[in-house]
Amino acid sequence: MSEQSKKEWLEWLKAIAVAITLAFILRTFFFATSIVEGASMDPTLKNGERVMFNKIVYYIDEPNRGDIVIIERPVKSYVKRVIGQPGDTVEIRDHELYVNGEQQTQEYLTEEASSATRDFGPVEVPKGKYFVMGDNRSISKDSRNGLGFVEEEEIIGRTELIIYPFDEWGLTK
């Protein structure tokens, strides 16, 4: 093997090592993927879709009302929408969502999901916790039933992008 081809191989190995290291850093600290399981976020996210989520955003900022977040629990991870932040009062009355007494517009809900939303609350979200719900209100396990308030530390990222299936590719809303 000539000296020139040895240098070429060495350069290729360096480039591959840098690419693998960069991919590892991005995956570990910045972005990751998750598969949506179940229909609790229909029609926004569907069962089997793969989403990319931003892991660093909540080191810089806190979850905002309307964010679609990944919640990590010991047995399972969940994808839900933030409805109430710490200190908010959340209530569902006559199929309408109220946060701090103000009726909320929820463009992401279908008419069917909105009409299936049962009365709930009012409840005050404790400090350091969040109130989350799925967009498919009739079947969602969320802060109203079973999931409870979500600790800030359990929210590991904000869903940014649907990456699979390819015909659904795009930003989440």
N, C-alpha and C. Protein backbone atom coordinates (compact mmCIF):
# COMPACT_ATOMS: atom_id res chain seq x y z
N MET A 1 0.85 -1.17 0.00
CA MET A 1 0.00 0.00 0.00
C MET A 1 0.89 1.24 0.00
N SER A 2 0.61 2.15 -0.88
CA SER A 2 1.44 3.35 -1.00
C SER A 2 1.17 4.30 0.17
N GLU A 3 2.09 5.20 0.34
CA GLU A 3 1.99 6.21 1.39
C GLU A 3 0.75 7.09 1.18
N GLN A 4 0.45 7.40 -0.08
CA GLN A 4 -0.71 8.23 -0.43
C GLN A 4 -2.02 7.55 -0.03
N SER A 5 -2.15 6.27 -0.32
CA SER A 5 -3.39 5.56 0.01
C SER A 5 -3.52 5.37 1.53
N LYS A 6 -2.41 5.23 2.25
CA LYS A 6 -2.47 5.15 3.70
C LYS A 6 -3.01 6.46 4.28
N LYS A 7 -2.54 7.59 3.74
CA LYS A 7 -3.02 8.90 4.20
C LYS A 7 -4.51 9.05 3.90
N GLU A 8 -4.92 8.59 2.72
CA GLU A 8 -6.34 8.66 2.34
C GLU A 8 -7.20 7.86 3.30
N TRP A 9 -6.77 6.65 3.61
CA TRP A 9 -7.52 5.80 4.55
C TRP A 9 -7.59 6.45 5.93
N LEU A 10 -6.50 7.02 6.36
CA LEU A 10 -6.45 7.68 7.66
C LEU A 10 -7.42 8.87 7.70
N GLU A 11 -7.46 9.65 6.63
CA GLU A 11 -8.38 10.79 6.55
C GLU A 11 -9.84 10.33 6.60
N TRP A 12 -10.13 9.23 5.88
CA TRP A 12 -11.49 8.67 5.90
C TRP A 12 -11.85 8.20 7.30
N LEU A 13 -10.93 7.53 7.98
CA LEU A 13 -11.20 7.06 9.34
C LEU A 13 -11.44 8.22 10.30
N LYS A 14 -10.67 9.29 10.15
CA LYS A 14 -10.87 10.48 10.98
C LYS A 14 -12.25 11.08 10.73
N ALA A 15 -12.62 11.21 9.48
CA ALA A 15 -13.93 11.78 9.13
C ALA A 15 -15.07 10.94 9.70
N ILE A 16 -14.94 9.63 9.60
CA ILE A 16 -15.98 8.73 10.12
C ILE A 16 -16.04 8.85 11.65
N ALA A 17 -14.90 8.90 12.30
CA ALA A 17 -14.86 9.03 13.77
C ALA A 17 -15.51 10.35 14.22
N VAL A 18 -15.21 11.43 13.51
CA VAL A 18 -15.82 12.73 13.84
C VAL A 18 -17.33 12.67 13.63
N ALA A 19 -17.78 12.08 12.55
CA ALA A 19 -19.22 11.98 12.27
C ALA A 19 -19.94 11.16 13.34
N ILE A 20 -19.37 10.04 13.74
CA ILE A 20 -19.97 9.20 14.78
C ILE A 20 -20.01 9.94 16.12
N THR A 21 -18.93 10.62 16.46
CA THR A 21 -18.88 11.38 17.70
C THR A 21 -19.92 12.50 17.70
N LEU A 22 -20.02 13.22 16.59
CA LEU A 22 -20.99 14.30 16.46
C LEU A 22 -22.42 13.76 16.56
N ALA A 23 -22.70 12.65 15.91
CA ALA A 23 -24.03 12.03 15.97
C ALA A 23 -24.35 11.62 17.40
N PHE A 24 -23.39 11.05 18.10
CA PHE A 24 -23.58 10.63 19.50
C PHE A 24 -23.90 11.84 20.38
N ILE A 25 -23.17 12.92 20.22
CA ILE A 25 -23.38 14.14 21.02
C ILE A 25 -24.76 14.72 20.73
N LEU A 26 -25.12 14.82 19.45
CA LEU A 26 -26.44 15.36 19.09
C LEU A 26 -27.56 14.50 19.66
N ARG A 27 -27.43 13.19 19.54
CA ARG A 27 -28.46 12.26 20.02
C ARG A 27 -28.56 12.27 21.54
N THR A 28 -27.45 12.38 22.22
CA THR A 28 -27.45 12.33 23.68
C THR A 28 -27.92 13.63 24.31
N PHE A 29 -27.50 14.77 23.78
CA PHE A 29 -27.76 16.03 24.46
C PHE A 29 -28.76 16.95 23.78
N PHE A 30 -29.03 16.78 22.49
CA PHE A 30 -29.85 17.75 21.79
C PHE A 30 -31.16 17.20 21.24
N PHE A 31 -31.11 16.14 20.45
CA PHE A 31 -32.29 15.61 19.79
C PHE A 31 -32.36 14.10 19.95
N ALA A 32 -33.58 13.58 20.00
CA ALA A 32 -33.80 12.14 20.03
C ALA A 32 -35.11 11.85 19.32
N THR A 33 -35.39 10.59 19.11
CA THR A 33 -36.65 10.21 18.46
C THR A 33 -37.47 9.35 19.41
N SER A 34 -38.76 9.35 19.15
CA SER A 34 -39.68 8.54 19.93
C SER A 34 -40.79 8.06 19.01
N ILE A 35 -41.36 6.90 19.31
CA ILE A 35 -42.47 6.38 18.52
C ILE A 35 -43.75 6.61 19.31
N VAL A 36 -44.75 7.17 18.64
CA VAL A 36 -46.05 7.41 19.26
C VAL A 36 -46.76 6.06 19.39
N GLU A 37 -47.18 5.74 20.60
CA GLU A 37 -47.90 4.50 20.84
C GLU A 37 -49.31 4.83 21.28
N GLY A 38 -50.30 4.36 20.54
CA GLY A 38 -51.69 4.59 20.89
C GLY A 38 -52.27 5.79 20.16
N ALA A 39 -53.54 6.05 20.45
CA ALA A 39 -54.28 7.09 19.73
C ALA A 39 -54.61 8.30 20.60
N SER A 40 -53.93 8.45 21.75
CA SER A 40 -54.30 9.54 22.67
C SER A 40 -53.99 10.93 22.13
N MET A 41 -53.13 11.04 21.12
CA MET A 41 -52.81 12.35 20.55
C MET A 41 -53.43 12.57 19.17
N ASP A 42 -54.32 11.65 18.73
CA ASP A 42 -55.02 11.85 17.45
C ASP A 42 -55.82 13.14 17.52
N PRO A 43 -55.91 13.92 16.49
CA PRO A 43 -55.38 13.71 15.16
C PRO A 43 -53.99 14.32 14.95
N THR A 44 -53.44 14.98 15.98
CA THR A 44 -52.14 15.65 15.84
C THR A 44 -51.04 14.65 15.56
N LEU A 45 -50.96 13.60 16.37
CA LEU A 45 -49.98 12.54 16.19
C LEU A 45 -50.72 11.22 16.19
N LYS A 46 -50.33 10.35 15.26
CA LYS A 46 -51.02 9.08 15.10
C LYS A 46 -50.15 7.92 15.57
N ASN A 47 -50.81 6.83 15.95
CA ASN A 47 -50.13 5.63 16.40
C ASN A 47 -49.08 5.20 15.36
N GLY A 48 -47.88 4.92 15.82
CA GLY A 48 -46.81 4.44 14.96
C GLY A 48 -45.95 5.52 14.34
N GLU A 49 -46.36 6.78 14.43
CA GLU A 49 -45.51 7.84 13.88
C GLU A 49 -44.25 7.98 14.72
N ARG A 50 -43.15 8.29 14.04
CA ARG A 50 -41.88 8.54 14.73
C ARG A 50 -41.69 10.06 14.75
N VAL A 51 -41.42 10.59 15.94
CA VAL A 51 -41.23 12.03 16.09
C VAL A 51 -39.82 12.32 16.61
N MET A 52 -39.32 13.48 16.24
CA MET A 52 -38.05 13.95 16.75
C MET A 52 -38.37 14.98 17.83
N PHE A 53 -37.68 14.87 18.96
CA PHE A 53 -37.92 15.85 20.00
C PHE A 53 -36.62 16.52 20.44
N ASN A 54 -36.80 17.77 20.88
CA ASN A 54 -35.71 18.65 21.29
C ASN A 54 -35.46 18.43 22.78
N LYS A 55 -34.29 17.94 23.13
CA LYS A 55 -33.97 17.62 24.52
C LYS A 55 -33.38 18.81 25.29
N ILE A 56 -32.86 19.79 24.58
CA ILE A 56 -32.15 20.88 25.27
C ILE A 56 -33.05 22.07 25.57
N VAL A 57 -34.19 22.17 24.90
CA VAL A 57 -35.04 23.35 25.01
C VAL A 57 -35.44 23.66 26.45
N TYR A 58 -35.70 22.63 27.26
CA TYR A 58 -36.17 22.88 28.63
C TYR A 58 -35.03 23.06 29.63
N TYR A 59 -33.79 23.01 29.17
CA TYR A 59 -32.68 23.45 30.01
C TYR A 59 -32.59 24.97 29.94
N ILE A 60 -33.05 25.52 28.83
CA ILE A 60 -32.98 26.95 28.57
C ILE A 60 -34.28 27.65 28.98
N ASP A 61 -35.40 26.99 28.77
CA ASP A 61 -36.73 27.56 28.98
C ASP A 61 -37.59 26.54 29.71
N GLU A 62 -38.81 26.91 30.02
CA GLU A 62 -39.73 25.97 30.66
C GLU A 62 -40.84 25.60 29.67
N PRO A 63 -41.51 24.48 29.91
CA PRO A 63 -42.60 24.10 29.01
C PRO A 63 -43.71 25.15 28.99
N ASN A 64 -44.20 25.45 27.82
CA ASN A 64 -45.26 26.44 27.65
C ASN A 64 -46.58 25.75 27.35
N ARG A 65 -47.66 26.43 27.68
CA ARG A 65 -48.98 25.92 27.37
C ARG A 65 -49.07 25.68 25.86
N GLY A 66 -49.53 24.48 25.49
CA GLY A 66 -49.66 24.12 24.08
C GLY A 66 -48.51 23.28 23.55
N ASP A 67 -47.37 23.25 24.25
CA ASP A 67 -46.24 22.42 23.81
C ASP A 67 -46.63 20.94 23.84
N ILE A 68 -46.19 20.20 22.86
CA ILE A 68 -46.33 18.74 22.87
C ILE A 68 -45.02 18.20 23.42
N VAL A 69 -45.12 17.52 24.57
CA VAL A 69 -43.92 17.12 25.30
C VAL A 69 -43.80 15.61 25.43
N ILE A 70 -42.56 15.17 25.67
CA ILE A 70 -42.27 13.78 25.98
C ILE A 70 -42.10 13.70 27.50
N ILE A 71 -42.86 12.82 28.13
CA ILE A 71 -42.83 12.63 29.57
C ILE A 71 -42.23 11.26 29.84
N GLU A 72 -41.16 11.24 30.61
CA GLU A 72 -40.50 9.97 30.91
C GLU A 72 -40.88 9.51 32.31
N ARG A 73 -41.53 8.36 32.34
CA ARG A 73 -41.89 7.71 33.60
C ARG A 73 -41.13 6.40 33.67
N PRO A 74 -40.99 5.80 34.88
CA PRO A 74 -40.19 4.57 35.01
C PRO A 74 -40.61 3.43 34.08
N VAL A 75 -41.90 3.23 33.87
CA VAL A 75 -42.35 2.10 33.07
C VAL A 75 -42.52 2.46 31.60
N LYS A 76 -42.92 3.71 31.31
CA LYS A 76 -43.29 4.08 29.96
C LYS A 76 -43.12 5.58 29.76
N SER A 77 -42.89 5.97 28.51
CA SER A 77 -42.87 7.39 28.16
C SER A 77 -44.20 7.76 27.51
N TYR A 78 -44.60 9.01 27.68
CA TYR A 78 -45.87 9.50 27.14
C TYR A 78 -45.63 10.73 26.29
N VAL A 79 -46.50 10.93 25.30
CA VAL A 79 -46.51 12.15 24.50
C VAL A 79 -47.83 12.84 24.81
N LYS A 80 -47.77 14.06 25.35
CA LYS A 80 -48.97 14.80 25.75
C LYS A 80 -48.78 16.28 25.45
N ARG A 81 -49.87 17.02 25.57
CA ARG A 81 -49.84 18.47 25.36
C ARG A 81 -49.93 19.18 26.72
N VAL A 82 -49.08 20.18 26.95
CA VAL A 82 -49.12 20.96 28.18
C VAL A 82 -50.37 21.85 28.14
N ILE A 83 -51.19 21.72 29.17
CA ILE A 83 -52.42 22.51 29.29
C ILE A 83 -52.27 23.55 30.39
N GLY A 84 -51.68 23.14 31.52
CA GLY A 84 -51.52 24.06 32.64
C GLY A 84 -50.10 24.07 33.17
N GLN A 85 -49.62 25.26 33.49
CA GLN A 85 -48.30 25.45 34.06
C GLN A 85 -48.41 25.62 35.57
N PRO A 86 -47.29 25.58 36.31
CA PRO A 86 -47.36 25.75 37.76
C PRO A 86 -48.13 27.02 38.15
N GLY A 87 -49.08 26.85 39.08
CA GLY A 87 -49.88 27.98 39.56
C GLY A 87 -51.17 28.21 38.78
N ASP A 88 -51.31 27.61 37.60
CA ASP A 88 -52.54 27.76 36.81
C ASP A 88 -53.69 27.00 37.46
N THR A 89 -54.90 27.49 37.22
CA THR A 89 -56.11 26.76 37.60
C THR A 89 -56.73 26.25 36.31
N VAL A 90 -56.93 24.93 36.25
CA VAL A 90 -57.46 24.28 35.05
C VAL A 90 -58.86 23.76 35.35
N GLU A 91 -59.78 24.01 34.41
CA GLU A 91 -61.14 23.52 34.56
C GLU A 91 -61.72 23.20 33.18
N ILE A 92 -62.50 22.14 33.11
CA ILE A 92 -63.25 21.83 31.90
C ILE A 92 -64.72 21.89 32.29
N ARG A 93 -65.45 22.75 31.60
CA ARG A 93 -66.85 22.97 31.89
C ARG A 93 -67.62 23.05 30.58
N ASP A 94 -68.67 22.24 30.47
CA ASP A 94 -69.50 22.22 29.25
C ASP A 94 -68.65 22.01 28.00
N HIS A 95 -67.71 21.07 28.06
CA HIS A 95 -66.84 20.67 26.95
C HIS A 95 -65.83 21.75 26.56
N GLU A 96 -65.67 22.78 27.38
CA GLU A 96 -64.73 23.85 27.08
C GLU A 96 -63.63 23.89 28.13
N LEU A 97 -62.40 24.16 27.70
CA LEU A 97 -61.25 24.24 28.59
C LEU A 97 -61.06 25.68 29.05
N TYR A 98 -60.88 25.83 30.37
CA TYR A 98 -60.60 27.14 30.95
C TYR A 98 -59.31 27.05 31.73
N VAL A 99 -58.42 28.00 31.51
CA VAL A 99 -57.19 28.11 32.29
C VAL A 99 -57.20 29.50 32.92
N ASN A 100 -57.12 29.51 34.24
CA ASN A 100 -57.19 30.76 35.01
C ASN A 100 -58.45 31.55 34.69
N GLY A 101 -59.55 30.81 34.48
CA GLY A 101 -60.85 31.43 34.22
C GLY A 101 -61.08 31.87 32.79
N GLU A 102 -60.07 31.76 31.93
CA GLU A 102 -60.22 32.17 30.52
C GLU A 102 -60.42 30.97 29.62
N GLN A 103 -61.45 31.03 28.78
CA GLN A 103 -61.70 29.95 27.84
C GLN A 103 -60.56 29.88 26.83
N GLN A 104 -60.09 28.65 26.55
CA GLN A 104 -58.96 28.44 25.67
C GLN A 104 -59.41 27.99 24.28
N THR A 105 -58.79 28.54 23.26
CA THR A 105 -59.01 28.09 21.89
C THR A 105 -58.10 26.89 21.64
N GLN A 106 -58.67 25.81 21.12
CA GLN A 106 -57.90 24.59 20.91
C GLN A 106 -58.09 24.13 19.47
N GLU A 107 -57.43 24.80 18.53
CA GLU A 107 -57.58 24.49 17.10
C GLU A 107 -57.18 23.06 16.77
N TYR A 108 -56.34 22.47 17.57
CA TYR A 108 -55.82 21.13 17.32
C TYR A 108 -56.85 20.05 17.64
N LEU A 109 -57.95 20.38 18.31
CA LEU A 109 -58.97 19.38 18.64
C LEU A 109 -59.99 19.24 17.53
N THR A 110 -60.43 18.03 17.30
CA THR A 110 -61.56 17.83 16.38
C THR A 110 -62.83 18.15 17.15
N GLU A 111 -63.91 18.35 16.43
CA GLU A 111 -65.21 18.60 17.06
C GLU A 111 -65.59 17.44 17.97
N GLU A 112 -65.31 16.22 17.50
CA GLU A 112 -65.63 15.02 18.27
C GLU A 112 -64.84 14.97 19.58
N ALA A 113 -63.54 15.28 19.52
CA ALA A 113 -62.71 15.26 20.73
C ALA A 113 -63.15 16.33 21.71
N SER A 114 -63.50 17.50 21.19
CA SER A 114 -63.94 18.59 22.05
C SER A 114 -65.25 18.23 22.75
N SER A 115 -66.19 17.66 22.03
CA SER A 115 -67.48 17.31 22.63
C SER A 115 -67.37 16.12 23.59
N ALA A 116 -66.29 15.33 23.48
CA ALA A 116 -66.09 14.18 24.36
C ALA A 116 -65.39 14.57 25.66
N THR A 117 -64.97 15.82 25.78
CA THR A 117 -64.26 16.27 26.97
C THR A 117 -65.26 16.50 28.10
N ARG A 118 -65.14 15.69 29.14
CA ARG A 118 -66.06 15.77 30.29
C ARG A 118 -65.63 16.87 31.26
N ASP A 119 -66.59 17.31 32.07
CA ASP A 119 -66.31 18.31 33.09
C ASP A 119 -65.22 17.80 34.04
N PHE A 120 -64.36 18.73 34.47
CA PHE A 120 -63.24 18.38 35.34
C PHE A 120 -62.83 19.64 36.10
N GLY A 121 -62.49 19.45 37.37
CA GLY A 121 -61.91 20.55 38.14
C GLY A 121 -62.96 21.50 38.70
N PRO A 122 -62.50 22.66 39.08
CA PRO A 122 -61.18 23.25 38.86
C PRO A 122 -60.11 22.66 39.79
N VAL A 123 -58.88 22.60 39.27
CA VAL A 123 -57.72 22.18 40.05
C VAL A 123 -56.60 23.20 39.84
N GLU A 124 -55.82 23.41 40.89
CA GLU A 124 -54.66 24.29 40.77
C GLU A 124 -53.42 23.43 40.58
N VAL A 125 -52.62 23.79 39.58
CA VAL A 125 -51.40 23.05 39.28
C VAL A 125 -50.34 23.44 40.31
N PRO A 126 -49.81 22.46 41.06
CA PRO A 126 -48.80 22.76 42.09
C PRO A 126 -47.49 23.30 41.49
N LYS A 127 -46.74 23.96 42.34
CA LYS A 127 -45.43 24.48 41.95
C LYS A 127 -44.54 23.33 41.46
N GLY A 128 -43.82 23.53 40.36
CA GLY A 128 -42.90 22.53 39.82
C GLY A 128 -43.58 21.41 39.05
N LYS A 129 -44.89 21.54 38.81
CA LYS A 129 -45.63 20.49 38.11
C LYS A 129 -46.43 21.07 36.96
N TYR A 130 -46.86 20.17 36.06
CA TYR A 130 -47.61 20.57 34.87
C TYR A 130 -48.85 19.70 34.73
N PHE A 131 -49.88 20.27 34.12
CA PHE A 131 -51.12 19.55 33.81
C PHE A 131 -51.09 19.28 32.31
N VAL A 132 -51.18 18.01 31.92
CA VAL A 132 -51.09 17.63 30.51
C VAL A 132 -52.33 16.83 30.10
N MET A 133 -52.65 16.90 28.81
CA MET A 133 -53.76 16.13 28.26
C MET A 133 -53.40 15.68 26.86
N GLY A 134 -54.02 14.57 26.43
CA GLY A 134 -53.91 14.14 25.05
C GLY A 134 -54.94 14.87 24.22
N ASP A 135 -54.72 14.95 22.92
CA ASP A 135 -55.67 15.63 22.03
C ASP A 135 -56.92 14.80 21.77
N ASN A 136 -56.83 13.50 21.97
CA ASN A 136 -57.99 12.61 21.82
C ASN A 136 -58.56 12.40 23.22
N ARG A 137 -59.31 13.39 23.68
CA ARG A 137 -59.70 13.50 25.08
C ARG A 137 -60.48 12.32 25.63
N SER A 138 -61.25 11.63 24.78
CA SER A 138 -62.10 10.55 25.29
C SER A 138 -61.31 9.31 25.71
N ILE A 139 -60.10 9.12 25.17
CA ILE A 139 -59.34 7.91 25.50
C ILE A 139 -57.98 8.19 26.14
N SER A 140 -57.64 9.45 26.31
CA SER A 140 -56.30 9.80 26.78
C SER A 140 -56.13 9.56 28.28
N LYS A 141 -55.05 8.87 28.62
CA LYS A 141 -54.60 8.77 30.02
C LYS A 141 -53.72 10.00 30.23
N ASP A 142 -54.19 10.92 31.08
CA ASP A 142 -53.46 12.18 31.24
C ASP A 142 -53.62 12.70 32.67
N SER A 143 -53.43 13.98 32.89
CA SER A 143 -53.48 14.54 34.25
C SER A 143 -54.86 14.42 34.89
N ARG A 144 -55.88 14.21 34.08
CA ARG A 144 -57.23 14.05 34.63
C ARG A 144 -57.45 12.66 35.22
N ASN A 145 -56.73 11.66 34.69
CA ASN A 145 -57.04 10.27 35.06
C ASN A 145 -55.83 9.36 34.91
N GLY A 146 -55.15 9.12 35.96
CA GLY A 146 -54.09 8.11 35.93
C GLY A 146 -52.68 8.66 35.84
N LEU A 147 -52.46 9.70 35.07
CA LEU A 147 -51.10 10.24 34.92
C LEU A 147 -50.81 11.26 36.03
N GLY A 148 -51.84 11.99 36.45
CA GLY A 148 -51.66 13.00 37.49
C GLY A 148 -50.82 14.18 37.01
N PHE A 149 -50.47 15.04 37.93
CA PHE A 149 -49.60 16.17 37.59
C PHE A 149 -48.23 15.62 37.23
N VAL A 150 -47.57 16.29 36.31
CA VAL A 150 -46.28 15.84 35.81
C VAL A 150 -45.19 16.72 36.39
N GLU A 151 -44.19 16.07 36.98
CA GLU A 151 -43.03 16.79 37.53
C GLU A 151 -42.24 17.43 36.39
N GLU A 152 -41.70 18.60 36.64
CA GLU A 152 -40.89 19.28 35.62
C GLU A 152 -39.74 18.40 35.14
N GLU A 153 -39.12 17.63 36.05
CA GLU A 153 -37.99 16.78 35.69
C GLU A 153 -38.40 15.62 34.79
N GLU A 154 -39.67 15.25 34.79
CA GLU A 154 -40.15 14.15 33.96
C GLU A 154 -40.33 14.56 32.50
N ILE A 155 -40.40 15.86 32.25
CA ILE A 155 -40.56 16.35 30.88
C ILE A 155 -39.16 16.43 30.27
N ILE A 156 -38.89 15.53 29.32
CA ILE A 156 -37.52 15.41 28.80
C ILE A 156 -37.33 16.06 27.44
N GLY A 157 -38.40 16.60 26.84
CA GLY A 157 -38.22 17.26 25.56
C GLY A 157 -39.53 17.72 24.96
N ARG A 158 -39.40 18.55 23.94
CA ARG A 158 -40.55 19.07 23.20
C ARG A 158 -40.55 18.46 21.80
N THR A 159 -41.67 17.90 21.41
CA THR A 159 -41.80 17.31 20.09
C THR A 159 -41.74 18.41 19.04
N GLU A 160 -40.87 18.24 18.05
CA GLU A 160 -40.67 19.26 17.03
C GLU A 160 -41.11 18.83 15.64
N LEU A 161 -40.93 17.54 15.32
CA LEU A 161 -41.03 17.12 13.92
C LEU A 161 -41.50 15.68 13.82
N ILE A 162 -42.43 15.44 12.89
CA ILE A 162 -42.80 14.06 12.55
C ILE A 162 -41.82 13.64 11.45
N ILE A 163 -41.10 12.54 11.69
CA ILE A 163 -40.10 12.14 10.70
C ILE A 163 -40.47 10.85 9.96
N TYR A 164 -41.49 10.13 10.48
CA TYR A 164 -41.92 8.92 9.80
C TYR A 164 -43.36 8.64 10.19
N PRO A 165 -44.20 8.23 9.29
CA PRO A 165 -43.96 7.91 7.89
C PRO A 165 -43.67 9.18 7.08
N PHE A 166 -42.97 9.00 5.99
CA PHE A 166 -42.48 10.14 5.21
C PHE A 166 -43.59 11.02 4.67
N ASP A 167 -44.76 10.44 4.37
CA ASP A 167 -45.85 11.27 3.84
C ASP A 167 -46.48 12.15 4.92
N GLU A 168 -46.15 11.93 6.18
CA GLU A 168 -46.62 12.75 7.30
C GLU A 168 -45.54 13.72 7.78
N TRP A 169 -44.38 13.71 7.13
CA TRP A 169 -43.23 14.51 7.55
C TRP A 169 -43.63 15.96 7.71
N GLY A 170 -43.25 16.56 8.82
CA GLY A 170 -43.51 17.99 9.03
C GLY A 170 -43.46 18.36 10.49
N LEU A 171 -43.60 19.66 10.76
CA LEU A 171 -43.56 20.17 12.11
C LEU A 171 -44.82 19.78 12.86
N THR A 172 -44.68 19.56 14.18
CA THR A 172 -45.86 19.29 15.01
C THR A 172 -46.44 20.62 15.43
N LYS A 173 -47.74 20.61 15.69
CA LYS A 173 -48.39 21.87 16.08
C LYS A 173 -49.00 21.75 17.45
